[in-house]
Amino acid sequence: MEIVLVGLNHRTAPVEVRERVSFTTEQAQQAAEELRSRGILEETLVLSTCNRSEVYGVPPEDVRKSATSLASYLSAFHSVTPEALSQSLYHHYDREAVRHLYRVSSGLDSMLLGEAEILGQVREAYRMAHGHGVTGPVLNRLFQGALEVGKRVRSETELGMRPVSVASAGVKLAERIFGKLKERTALVLGAGNIGEQVVAQLRDREVAHLYVMNRSPEKAAQVAREFGGKVIQWNDWENGLVLPDVIVSSVSTEEPVLLRETVKHAMAARRNRALLLMDLGVPRNMEPSLAELYNVYLYNLDDLTEIVRQNRAAREEEIPHAEEIVEEHVMKFLSWQASVELVSLLELLRTRVKEERAAFLRERMEMLTHFRPEEREKMELLMDELLEKMLMGPAEKLRGEKKLRKKIQNVNALRDLFLNDREKP
C-alpha cells in the first residue's frame, strides 16, 4: 500500500520543459494503462495542468525502485533525455506524497496562491482515471481526501473567499500595460475552461470589443453569446489579428497555432499598432520568436511572476490555517492506510499461528497417547478458539474505533517483528 509520486511543476521546471512533459487527456489514459500493464504500478493516476505534470501510483515493489522506473518511463514517453528531465523531477513517497497532493488540491502549491482552477483539475483527473479503472482502493481514498481538503480550504479560509486564477492574472497584466480596457479590443483563442474564464474576466472589466476564436464554432458561439462577444472563424488570421489590442490564448495543442510569419504579416496591416500576446497554453500556443517582432509584446505563464508575488503577499496570513487543514487530512489518510495494513497483518499472523499450532500438535501427539481421540480433538478446538480470540478481537476493535486507528504509527515494524521475509506480501 505504499504510494509514490514523480513529477515536475512551475517551481522545478521552466515552461519550455513543462510543455514537453505535459499530457493530453488521451496521453494520460495511455500512460496510466501502460504503467499498469508493464507492472510498474498497480494503481495509477496522471495529473497534468499548465503548471505541473505528476504521476501518482501504488507500486508492486519498493517505492524508490518504482520511482526510478517512473522517471525512465516519463523520459521515454515524452522523448526527453533523462539528463534533461532529472534536474526538474521530484520524487515523493507515502506521507510526503499525500501531503503534496493535498497542498496541490488546496491551492497552496500553485503559482497563484489559492488558485481557483486546480481543485476542478484534480477532480477531473480523478474522474477520468477512476472511470477507466486504473485507480484502486488506495488512490480512490487518497484523491477523495484531496477533494475534501480543497473544499475545506476554500470554504474555511480567505484563500477561497478571494479566489485568483491564471485567467485573472493574465487580464491584470493586460491592464498594467494598457490601463483600463474599456477602449480596447480583445481576442480569446480557445473556449475551454481557461478560455471561458478569460472571456468572463475581460467582460467584467468592460472591454470595448470582445472576440472568440475556437476550433469548434458551436462552442465559440456559445461562449460569445453568453458574454456578449462575437465569433471569428478558426484560422481566419487575416481578420482575427488586425482588430485586437490583446490576444489571450489557451488552446490544447501540441504545436503553436500562432506563428511568427502570420503575425508579421498582420502587423503590417495594423500599421504596427501595439499588440499584447498572452500565451496561457502548455504546450505553448505561440511561437517564442514572436517577441522579436516590433511592437509585439509576448508573455507566457512564467512571466506572471510579479502578479504571483503580490498575490502571495496579500494571502500569506491564510497559509498556516490552510496548512493545518492539510495536515489534519494527511493524518486521517495515514491512519486509514495503517489500519488497512494492520488488518492485513493480523490475517497473516492468524495464518502463521494456525500453521505453528498444527506443527506444535504434530510434534507432541506422541506424548499425548493417554488422551482419547475425542479429547485431542476438543483440545485442538479450544486452542483454535483461544487463537481466534487473541487475533480477531484486535482486528474487530481496529475496524470499529477511529481513535485507535490514529494511534497506529508503524505497521511495518510489527510486520518485521512477527513475520519472516518469505511471509511478507
Protein backbone atom coordinates (compact mmCIF):
# COMPACT_ATOMS: atom_id res chain seq x y z
CA MET A 1 0.00 0.00 0.00
CA GLU A 2 2.95 2.35 -0.44
CA ILE A 3 2.44 5.49 -2.54
CA VAL A 4 4.88 7.02 -5.00
CA LEU A 5 4.75 10.38 -6.77
CA VAL A 6 7.05 11.53 -9.56
CA GLY A 7 6.52 14.88 -11.25
CA LEU A 8 7.59 18.42 -12.02
CA ASN A 9 5.97 21.83 -11.67
CA HIS A 10 6.47 25.56 -12.15
CA ARG A 11 8.99 25.65 -9.32
CA THR A 12 11.25 22.93 -10.69
CA ALA A 13 10.90 23.36 -14.46
CA PRO A 14 10.54 26.32 -16.85
CA VAL A 15 7.68 26.36 -19.34
CA GLU A 16 9.98 25.01 -22.10
CA VAL A 17 10.37 21.78 -20.09
CA ARG A 18 6.81 21.64 -18.73
CA GLU A 19 5.32 21.78 -22.21
CA ARG A 20 7.45 18.82 -23.32
CA VAL A 21 6.21 16.68 -20.43
CA SER A 22 2.54 17.70 -20.44
CA PHE A 23 -0.17 15.10 -21.07
CA THR A 24 -3.32 15.42 -23.12
CA THR A 25 -6.35 13.55 -21.78
CA GLU A 26 -5.71 10.72 -24.22
CA GLN A 27 -2.00 10.57 -23.33
CA ALA A 28 -2.79 10.48 -19.61
CA GLN A 29 -5.07 7.49 -20.17
CA GLN A 30 -2.47 5.76 -22.36
CA ALA A 31 0.32 6.32 -19.83
CA ALA A 32 -1.79 5.03 -16.93
CA GLU A 33 -2.69 1.86 -18.82
CA GLU A 34 0.91 1.25 -19.90
CA LEU A 35 2.28 1.77 -16.39
CA ARG A 36 -0.08 -0.90 -15.11
CA SER A 37 0.38 -3.34 -17.98
CA ARG A 38 4.18 -3.13 -17.62
CA GLY A 39 3.96 -3.85 -13.91
CA ILE A 40 5.48 -0.52 -12.87
CA LEU A 41 2.35 0.45 -10.89
CA GLU A 42 -0.72 -1.42 -9.68
CA GLU A 43 -2.81 1.75 -9.34
CA THR A 44 -2.04 4.99 -11.13
CA LEU A 45 -3.29 8.49 -11.91
CA VAL A 46 -1.78 11.21 -14.11
CA LEU A 47 -2.37 14.85 -13.13
CA SER A 48 -1.33 17.30 -15.85
CA THR A 49 -2.12 21.03 -15.82
CA CYS A 50 -0.46 24.13 -17.24
CA ASN A 51 1.86 24.26 -14.22
CA ARG A 52 2.52 20.59 -13.43
CA SER A 53 2.73 17.03 -14.67
CA GLU A 54 2.60 14.39 -11.93
CA VAL A 55 2.13 10.63 -11.79
CA TYR A 56 0.71 9.11 -8.60
CA GLY A 57 0.83 5.38 -8.08
CA VAL A 58 0.80 2.33 -5.85
CA PRO A 59 3.78 0.15 -6.86
CA PRO A 60 4.00 -3.65 -6.57
CA GLU A 61 7.50 -3.34 -5.14
CA ASP A 62 9.79 -0.91 -3.33
CA VAL A 63 8.66 2.69 -3.90
CA ARG A 64 12.12 4.03 -4.63
CA LYS A 65 12.74 1.42 -7.29
CA SER A 66 9.38 2.24 -8.84
CA ALA A 67 10.22 5.96 -8.81
CA THR A 68 13.30 5.25 -10.91
CA SER A 69 11.17 3.23 -13.34
CA LEU A 70 8.62 6.05 -13.46
CA ALA A 71 11.26 8.64 -14.29
CA SER A 72 12.59 6.43 -17.09
CA TYR A 73 9.07 5.92 -18.42
CA LEU A 74 8.36 9.68 -18.47
CA SER A 75 11.60 10.27 -20.33
CA ALA A 76 10.78 7.67 -22.98
CA PHE A 77 7.08 8.61 -23.27
CA HIS A 78 7.85 12.26 -23.99
CA SER A 79 11.13 11.68 -25.86
CA VAL A 80 13.09 13.79 -23.38
CA THR A 81 16.58 12.68 -22.39
CA PRO A 82 16.93 11.50 -18.77
CA GLU A 83 19.63 14.13 -18.24
CA ALA A 84 17.31 16.95 -19.34
CA LEU A 85 14.48 15.66 -17.16
CA SER A 86 16.26 14.57 -13.99
CA GLN A 87 17.01 18.10 -12.78
CA SER A 88 13.32 19.01 -12.87
CA LEU A 89 11.73 15.89 -11.37
CA TYR A 90 10.80 15.49 -7.72
CA HIS A 91 10.10 12.15 -6.02
CA HIS A 92 7.77 11.90 -3.02
CA TYR A 93 6.79 8.81 -1.06
CA ASP A 94 3.92 7.91 1.26
CA ARG A 95 3.39 10.73 3.81
CA GLU A 96 5.13 13.36 1.66
CA ALA A 97 3.24 12.24 -1.46
CA VAL A 98 -0.06 12.55 0.42
CA ARG A 99 0.87 15.96 1.80
CA HIS A 100 1.98 17.18 -1.63
CA LEU A 101 -1.30 16.22 -3.29
CA TYR A 102 -3.37 17.79 -0.50
CA ARG A 103 -1.39 21.04 -0.81
CA VAL A 104 -1.93 20.95 -4.58
CA SER A 105 -5.70 20.49 -4.28
CA SER A 106 -5.94 23.31 -1.72
CA GLY A 107 -4.08 25.79 -3.93
CA LEU A 108 -1.04 26.03 -1.62
CA ASP A 109 1.33 24.63 -4.25
CA SER A 110 0.02 26.72 -7.15
CA MET A 111 1.83 29.52 -8.95
CA LEU A 112 -1.03 31.74 -7.78
CA LEU A 113 -1.63 31.04 -4.10
CA GLY A 114 -5.21 29.82 -3.69
CA GLU A 115 -5.67 29.30 -7.44
CA ALA A 116 -9.35 28.62 -8.13
CA GLU A 117 -8.88 26.22 -11.06
CA ILE A 118 -6.72 23.49 -9.55
CA LEU A 119 -9.40 21.74 -7.49
CA GLY A 120 -11.52 21.22 -10.59
CA GLN A 121 -8.47 19.90 -12.46
CA VAL A 122 -7.74 17.40 -9.68
CA ARG A 123 -11.40 16.35 -9.68
CA GLU A 124 -11.39 15.83 -13.45
CA ALA A 125 -8.12 13.85 -13.41
CA TYR A 126 -9.54 11.57 -10.72
CA ARG A 127 -12.86 11.19 -12.55
CA MET A 128 -11.09 10.15 -15.75
CA ALA A 129 -8.70 7.71 -14.04
CA HIS A 130 -11.45 6.15 -11.94
CA GLY A 131 -13.70 5.87 -14.98
CA HIS A 132 -11.01 3.97 -16.88
CA GLY A 133 -10.40 1.62 -13.96
CA VAL A 134 -6.73 2.49 -13.38
CA THR A 135 -7.15 3.58 -9.76
CA GLY A 136 -7.87 1.27 -6.82
CA PRO A 137 -8.74 1.45 -3.12
CA VAL A 138 -5.62 3.42 -2.15
CA LEU A 139 -5.72 6.12 -4.82
CA ASN A 140 -9.51 6.33 -4.57
CA ARG A 141 -9.23 7.11 -0.87
CA LEU A 142 -6.28 9.45 -1.47
CA PHE A 143 -7.98 11.57 -4.13
CA GLN A 144 -11.34 11.63 -2.41
CA GLY A 145 -9.45 13.05 0.56
CA ALA A 146 -7.75 15.60 -1.71
CA LEU A 147 -11.10 16.87 -2.96
CA GLU A 148 -12.34 17.16 0.62
CA VAL A 149 -9.23 19.13 1.63
CA GLY A 150 -9.62 21.50 -1.31
CA LYS A 151 -13.24 22.20 -0.46
CA ARG A 152 -12.46 22.87 3.20
CA VAL A 153 -9.59 25.26 2.44
CA ARG A 154 -11.81 27.22 0.08
CA SER A 155 -14.73 27.39 2.49
CA GLU A 156 -12.81 27.96 5.73
CA THR A 157 -10.01 30.35 4.69
CA GLU A 158 -9.65 33.62 2.82
CA LEU A 159 -7.88 31.71 0.04
CA GLY A 160 -11.30 30.61 -1.14
CA MET A 161 -13.10 33.85 -0.42
CA ARG A 162 -10.85 35.80 -2.79
CA PRO A 163 -10.04 33.24 -5.49
CA VAL A 164 -7.39 34.04 -8.06
CA SER A 165 -6.85 32.21 -11.34
CA VAL A 166 -4.38 32.19 -14.22
CA ALA A 167 -7.09 33.88 -16.28
CA SER A 168 -7.47 36.78 -13.86
CA ALA A 169 -3.70 37.19 -13.54
CA GLY A 170 -3.36 37.39 -17.33
CA VAL A 171 -6.05 40.06 -17.58
CA LYS A 172 -4.43 42.02 -14.74
CA LEU A 173 -1.20 42.05 -16.71
CA ALA A 174 -3.09 43.42 -19.72
CA GLU A 175 -4.42 46.22 -17.52
CA ARG A 176 -0.92 47.07 -16.37
CA ILE A 177 0.18 47.52 -19.95
CA PHE A 178 -2.87 49.26 -21.43
CA GLY A 179 -4.53 50.69 -18.35
CA LYS A 180 -8.32 50.41 -18.35
CA LEU A 181 -9.58 48.07 -21.05
CA LYS A 182 -12.80 49.98 -21.79
CA GLU A 183 -11.42 51.31 -25.07
CA ARG A 184 -9.58 48.14 -26.09
CA THR A 185 -10.40 45.14 -28.27
CA ALA A 186 -9.56 41.60 -27.18
CA LEU A 187 -9.47 38.24 -28.93
CA VAL A 188 -9.53 34.98 -26.94
CA LEU A 189 -8.18 31.86 -28.66
CA GLY A 190 -9.80 28.77 -27.16
CA ALA A 191 -13.17 28.34 -25.48
CA GLY A 192 -12.26 25.71 -22.91
CA ASN A 193 -12.24 26.21 -19.16
CA ILE A 194 -9.44 28.79 -19.01
CA GLY A 195 -10.53 30.49 -22.24
CA GLU A 196 -14.03 30.93 -20.89
CA GLN A 197 -12.64 32.36 -17.65
CA VAL A 198 -10.55 34.85 -19.64
CA VAL A 199 -13.65 35.93 -21.56
CA ALA A 200 -15.53 36.41 -18.30
CA GLN A 201 -12.67 38.43 -16.79
CA LEU A 202 -12.48 40.68 -19.85
CA ARG A 203 -16.21 41.26 -19.82
CA ASP A 204 -16.09 42.11 -16.09
CA ARG A 205 -13.51 44.79 -16.95
CA GLU A 206 -15.84 46.18 -19.61
CA VAL A 207 -13.52 45.58 -22.55
CA ALA A 208 -14.88 47.55 -25.52
CA HIS A 209 -14.92 44.73 -28.09
CA LEU A 210 -14.60 41.01 -27.42
CA TYR A 211 -13.98 38.25 -29.97
CA VAL A 212 -13.72 34.47 -29.55
CA MET A 213 -11.96 32.01 -31.86
CA ASN A 214 -12.22 28.25 -31.30
CA ARG A 215 -11.85 25.07 -33.33
CA SER A 216 -15.45 24.23 -32.54
CA PRO A 217 -17.61 27.04 -33.97
CA GLU A 218 -20.54 25.87 -31.82
CA LYS A 219 -18.53 26.26 -28.62
CA ALA A 220 -17.17 29.64 -29.75
CA ALA A 221 -20.71 30.82 -30.47
CA GLN A 222 -21.94 29.60 -27.10
CA VAL A 223 -19.23 31.46 -25.16
CA ALA A 224 -19.55 34.61 -27.28
CA ARG A 225 -23.31 34.63 -26.85
CA GLU A 226 -23.07 34.17 -23.07
CA PHE A 227 -20.65 37.07 -22.62
CA GLY A 228 -21.77 39.41 -25.37
CA GLY A 229 -18.88 38.81 -27.74
CA LYS A 230 -18.53 37.94 -31.40
CA VAL A 231 -17.06 34.92 -33.19
CA ILE A 232 -14.13 34.92 -35.59
CA GLN A 233 -13.78 31.70 -37.54
CA TRP A 234 -10.86 29.49 -36.60
CA ASN A 235 -7.66 30.31 -38.51
CA ASP A 236 -9.13 33.47 -40.05
CA TRP A 237 -5.98 35.31 -39.09
CA GLU A 238 -6.41 37.99 -41.75
CA ASN A 239 -9.38 39.41 -39.87
CA GLY A 240 -8.61 38.00 -36.44
CA LEU A 241 -5.23 39.67 -35.97
CA VAL A 242 -5.99 43.12 -37.39
CA LEU A 243 -8.66 44.08 -34.83
CA PRO A 244 -7.45 43.27 -31.30
CA ASP A 245 -5.08 45.07 -28.95
CA VAL A 246 -4.89 41.99 -26.74
CA ILE A 247 -4.85 38.31 -27.71
CA VAL A 248 -5.07 35.70 -24.96
CA SER A 249 -4.60 32.06 -25.92
CA SER A 250 -5.34 28.83 -24.07
CA VAL A 251 -5.65 26.10 -26.70
CA SER A 252 -4.98 22.39 -26.25
CA THR A 253 -2.39 21.76 -28.95
CA GLU A 254 0.99 20.13 -29.44
CA GLU A 255 2.19 22.73 -31.96
CA PRO A 256 1.89 26.55 -31.86
CA VAL A 257 -1.24 27.92 -33.52
CA LEU A 258 0.05 31.50 -33.79
CA LEU A 259 3.15 31.71 -35.98
CA ARG A 260 5.73 34.43 -36.45
CA GLU A 261 5.09 34.90 -40.19
CA THR A 262 1.33 35.14 -39.66
CA VAL A 263 1.69 37.86 -37.02
CA LYS A 264 4.39 39.66 -39.00
CA HIS A 265 2.01 39.91 -41.95
CA ALA A 266 -0.81 41.09 -39.67
CA MET A 267 1.39 43.77 -38.04
CA ALA A 268 1.95 45.36 -41.44
CA ALA A 269 -1.83 45.51 -41.95
CA ARG A 270 -2.17 47.01 -38.45
CA ARG A 271 0.48 49.63 -39.27
CA ASN A 272 2.47 48.20 -36.37
CA ARG A 273 -0.11 49.16 -33.76
CA ALA A 274 0.95 47.64 -30.40
CA LEU A 275 -0.17 44.06 -29.84
CA LEU A 276 -0.13 42.25 -26.50
CA LEU A 277 0.03 38.45 -26.74
CA MET A 278 -0.73 36.38 -23.63
CA ASP A 279 0.08 32.68 -24.06
CA LEU A 280 -1.55 30.67 -21.26
CA GLY A 281 -1.16 27.32 -23.00
CA VAL A 282 1.10 24.40 -22.08
CA PRO A 283 2.43 23.36 -24.53
CA ARG A 284 2.77 26.98 -25.68
CA ASN A 285 0.32 28.19 -28.30
CA MET A 286 2.52 30.95 -29.75
CA GLU A 287 5.98 30.78 -31.27
CA PRO A 288 8.51 32.32 -28.85
CA SER A 289 10.13 34.25 -31.71
CA LEU A 290 7.00 36.47 -31.86
CA ALA A 291 8.63 38.50 -29.10
CA GLU A 292 11.25 39.65 -31.61
CA LEU A 293 8.68 41.49 -33.75
CA TYR A 294 8.43 45.26 -33.45
CA ASN A 295 5.68 46.44 -31.04
CA VAL A 296 4.63 42.86 -30.25
CA TYR A 297 4.71 42.05 -26.53
CA LEU A 298 4.61 38.33 -25.77
CA TYR A 299 4.06 36.90 -22.28
CA ASN A 300 3.63 33.31 -21.08
CA LEU A 301 2.76 31.68 -17.78
CA ASP A 302 6.22 32.14 -16.34
CA ASP A 303 6.03 35.90 -16.95
CA LEU A 304 3.30 36.33 -14.32
CA THR A 305 5.99 36.46 -11.61
CA GLU A 306 5.21 39.93 -10.24
CA ILE A 307 1.49 39.27 -10.04
CA VAL A 308 2.28 35.97 -8.32
CA ARG A 309 4.44 37.80 -5.75
CA GLN A 310 1.76 40.36 -4.95
CA ASN A 311 -0.90 37.67 -4.78
CA ARG A 312 1.13 35.68 -2.27
CA ALA A 313 1.94 38.71 -0.13
CA ALA A 314 -1.77 39.52 0.21
CA ARG A 315 -2.65 35.97 1.26
CA GLU A 316 0.26 34.74 3.35
CA GLU A 317 -1.65 35.16 6.60
CA GLU A 318 -4.03 32.41 5.46
CA ILE A 319 -1.29 29.84 4.84
CA PRO A 320 -0.98 28.49 8.44
CA HIS A 321 -4.73 27.84 8.69
CA ALA A 322 -4.77 26.09 5.32
CA GLU A 323 -1.69 24.03 6.27
CA GLU A 324 -3.44 22.90 9.47
CA ILE A 325 -6.36 21.59 7.41
CA VAL A 326 -3.95 19.81 5.08
CA GLU A 327 -2.08 18.19 7.98
CA GLU A 328 -5.33 17.07 9.62
CA HIS A 329 -6.31 15.21 6.47
CA VAL A 330 -2.82 13.80 5.94
CA MET A 331 -3.02 12.17 9.37
CA LYS A 332 -6.56 10.99 8.61
CA PHE A 333 -5.38 9.24 5.44
CA LEU A 334 -2.30 7.74 7.10
CA SER A 335 -4.46 6.37 9.92
CA TRP A 336 -6.77 4.72 7.41
CA GLN A 337 -3.79 3.35 5.48
CA ALA A 338 -2.20 1.93 8.64
CA SER A 339 -5.47 0.35 9.80
CA VAL A 340 -5.92 -1.47 6.48
CA GLU A 341 -2.34 -2.69 6.60
CA LEU A 342 -2.70 -3.81 10.21
CA VAL A 343 -5.85 -5.81 9.45
CA SER A 344 -3.90 -7.48 6.65
CA LEU A 345 -1.04 -8.16 9.05
CA LEU A 346 -3.40 -9.71 11.59
CA GLU A 347 -4.74 -12.02 8.89
CA LEU A 348 -1.20 -13.11 8.06
CA LEU A 349 -0.45 -13.65 11.73
CA ARG A 350 -3.62 -15.70 12.08
CA THR A 351 -2.47 -17.99 9.26
CA ARG A 352 1.02 -18.16 10.73
CA VAL A 353 -0.23 -19.05 14.21
CA LYS A 354 -2.54 -21.77 12.86
CA GLU A 355 0.37 -23.31 10.99
CA GLU A 356 2.53 -23.15 14.10
CA ARG A 357 -0.29 -24.70 16.16
CA ALA A 358 -0.64 -27.59 13.73
CA ALA A 359 3.12 -28.21 13.72
CA PHE A 360 3.22 -28.00 17.51
CA LEU A 361 0.50 -30.62 17.88
CA ARG A 362 2.08 -32.97 15.35
CA GLU A 363 5.36 -32.90 17.24
CA ARG A 364 3.74 -33.61 20.61
CA MET A 365 0.94 -36.03 19.77
CA GLU A 366 3.14 -38.99 20.66
CA MET A 367 3.37 -37.63 24.19
CA LEU A 368 -0.45 -37.45 24.45
CA THR A 369 -1.29 -41.10 23.84
CA HIS A 370 -3.24 -41.30 27.10
CA PHE A 371 -5.86 -38.91 25.64
CA ARG A 372 -8.75 -40.36 23.69
CA PRO A 373 -9.19 -39.07 20.05
CA GLU A 374 -12.25 -37.04 21.01
CA GLU A 375 -10.29 -35.42 23.85
CA ARG A 376 -7.48 -34.49 21.50
CA GLU A 377 -10.00 -33.01 19.06
CA LYS A 378 -11.52 -30.97 21.86
CA MET A 379 -8.06 -29.68 22.84
CA GLU A 380 -7.45 -28.57 19.25
CA LEU A 381 -10.80 -26.77 19.12
CA LEU A 382 -10.04 -24.98 22.40
CA MET A 383 -6.66 -23.88 21.06
CA ASP A 384 -8.31 -22.57 17.87
CA GLU A 385 -10.86 -20.68 19.94
CA LEU A 386 -8.11 -19.09 22.02
CA LEU A 387 -6.14 -18.04 18.94
CA GLU A 388 -9.22 -16.57 17.29
CA LYS A 389 -9.95 -14.57 20.43
CA MET A 390 -6.38 -13.28 20.59
CA LEU A 391 -6.14 -12.22 16.95
CA MET A 392 -9.64 -11.45 15.68
CA GLY A 393 -10.60 -9.40 18.72
CA PRO A 394 -7.98 -6.69 17.95
CA ALA A 395 -9.00 -6.74 14.28
CA GLU A 396 -12.64 -6.04 15.12
CA LYS A 397 -11.62 -3.36 17.60
CA LEU A 398 -9.42 -1.75 14.97
CA ARG A 399 -12.25 -1.64 12.44
CA GLY A 400 -14.63 -0.02 14.90
CA GLU A 401 -12.56 2.57 16.77
CA LYS A 402 -11.33 5.62 14.86
CA LYS A 403 -9.30 6.89 17.82
CA LEU A 404 -7.36 3.64 17.92
CA ARG A 405 -6.54 3.87 14.20
CA LYS A 406 -5.00 7.31 14.76
CA LYS A 407 -2.53 5.83 17.26
CA ILE A 408 -1.06 3.34 14.78
CA GLN A 409 2.30 4.62 13.59
CA ASN A 410 4.43 1.87 12.11
CA VAL A 411 2.79 -1.29 10.85
CA ASN A 412 5.98 -2.29 9.01
CA ALA A 413 7.80 -2.58 12.35
CA LEU A 414 5.21 -5.12 13.54
CA ARG A 415 5.44 -6.93 10.22
CA ASP A 416 9.23 -7.19 10.53
CA LEU A 417 8.90 -8.33 14.14
CA PHE A 418 6.42 -11.17 13.61
CA LEU A 419 6.91 -12.33 10.03
CA ASN A 420 9.90 -13.56 8.07
CA ASP A 421 10.76 -12.22 4.62
CA ARG A 422 9.09 -15.16 2.87
CA GLU A 423 5.76 -14.39 4.52
CA LYS A 424 5.71 -10.63 3.87
CA PRO A 425 3.42 -9.55 1.00
